[in-house]
Amino acid sequence: MSVHSQEARVAVLVYEGGKLTDEDLLAPCRWEALRAETDHVRFVDMLYGFFRRLEATAHWHRGLDHHAVREASVCAREILPKVREIQQSVEALTPGSPLEEAGKEFLQDRLAWAIGILEKSLPEWGY
């Protein structure tokens, strides 16, 4: 059983007429394809929503079974380096680029928040 089952189950995210599930976001190997399918701003927004749910799981993890908490911590460990990579790519944006104009500061804030959640959650979960 995984973190997105039982109480932590959440609604499917809808974007560009398609559907994106937490299973997609739990698999960093899928991220490149997701980034190709949608713009960078929307992609970071999807990650933000995912990490909000991960944070909610951390806040009441004692109510989840041990296996779900362990899976969530493994997920966080695997995802953290990928989120840092995205953060570096956002920081390296050329001034005046379309993405930079779309809200580099907004993206940086959301990514920093997500990284903070991951770094905080791992010790809280005891893994």
Foldseek 3Di string as FASTA:
>chain_A
DALCDDPLPDDWDDDPNHTDHVVCVLDVVNLVVVCVVDPPVVSLVVVLVSLVSLLVCLVPVVPPDLVHLVRSLVSLVVCLVVLVVSLVVLVPDDPPDPVVVVPSPVSNVSSVVSNVSSVVSNVSSVD
